[in-house]
Amino acid sequence: MSAYEAEIKAVKEAARTASYTCLQIRNDMLGTPEAMEKAGKEPVTIADYSSQAIIHRYLAEQFPSDRTISEERADDFRRIASKE
């Protein structure tokens, strides 16, 4: 067993779950033209935040003492997701 086998397995599972979520978002939203018109609520934006949240949560559960860093801020997502 390699030194990082558990980490590699966890990252693969997190990425698999996040990619499935992105596909679901694409399938659900691309058929809705108004989804592409609302700034901050485009399928790519929603998928980006969703996949980041899935990966962070999964890694936090598997490796609670490790820290993560990412591009998107959760408060930004809450702000744009709550706009009408």
Foldseek 3Di string as FASTA:
>chain_A
DDPCPLVVVLQVVLQVVLVVVLVVLCVVPVVPVVQCVQPCRHSVNVSVVSSVVSSVVSCCVVPVVDDDDDDDDPVVNVVSVPDD
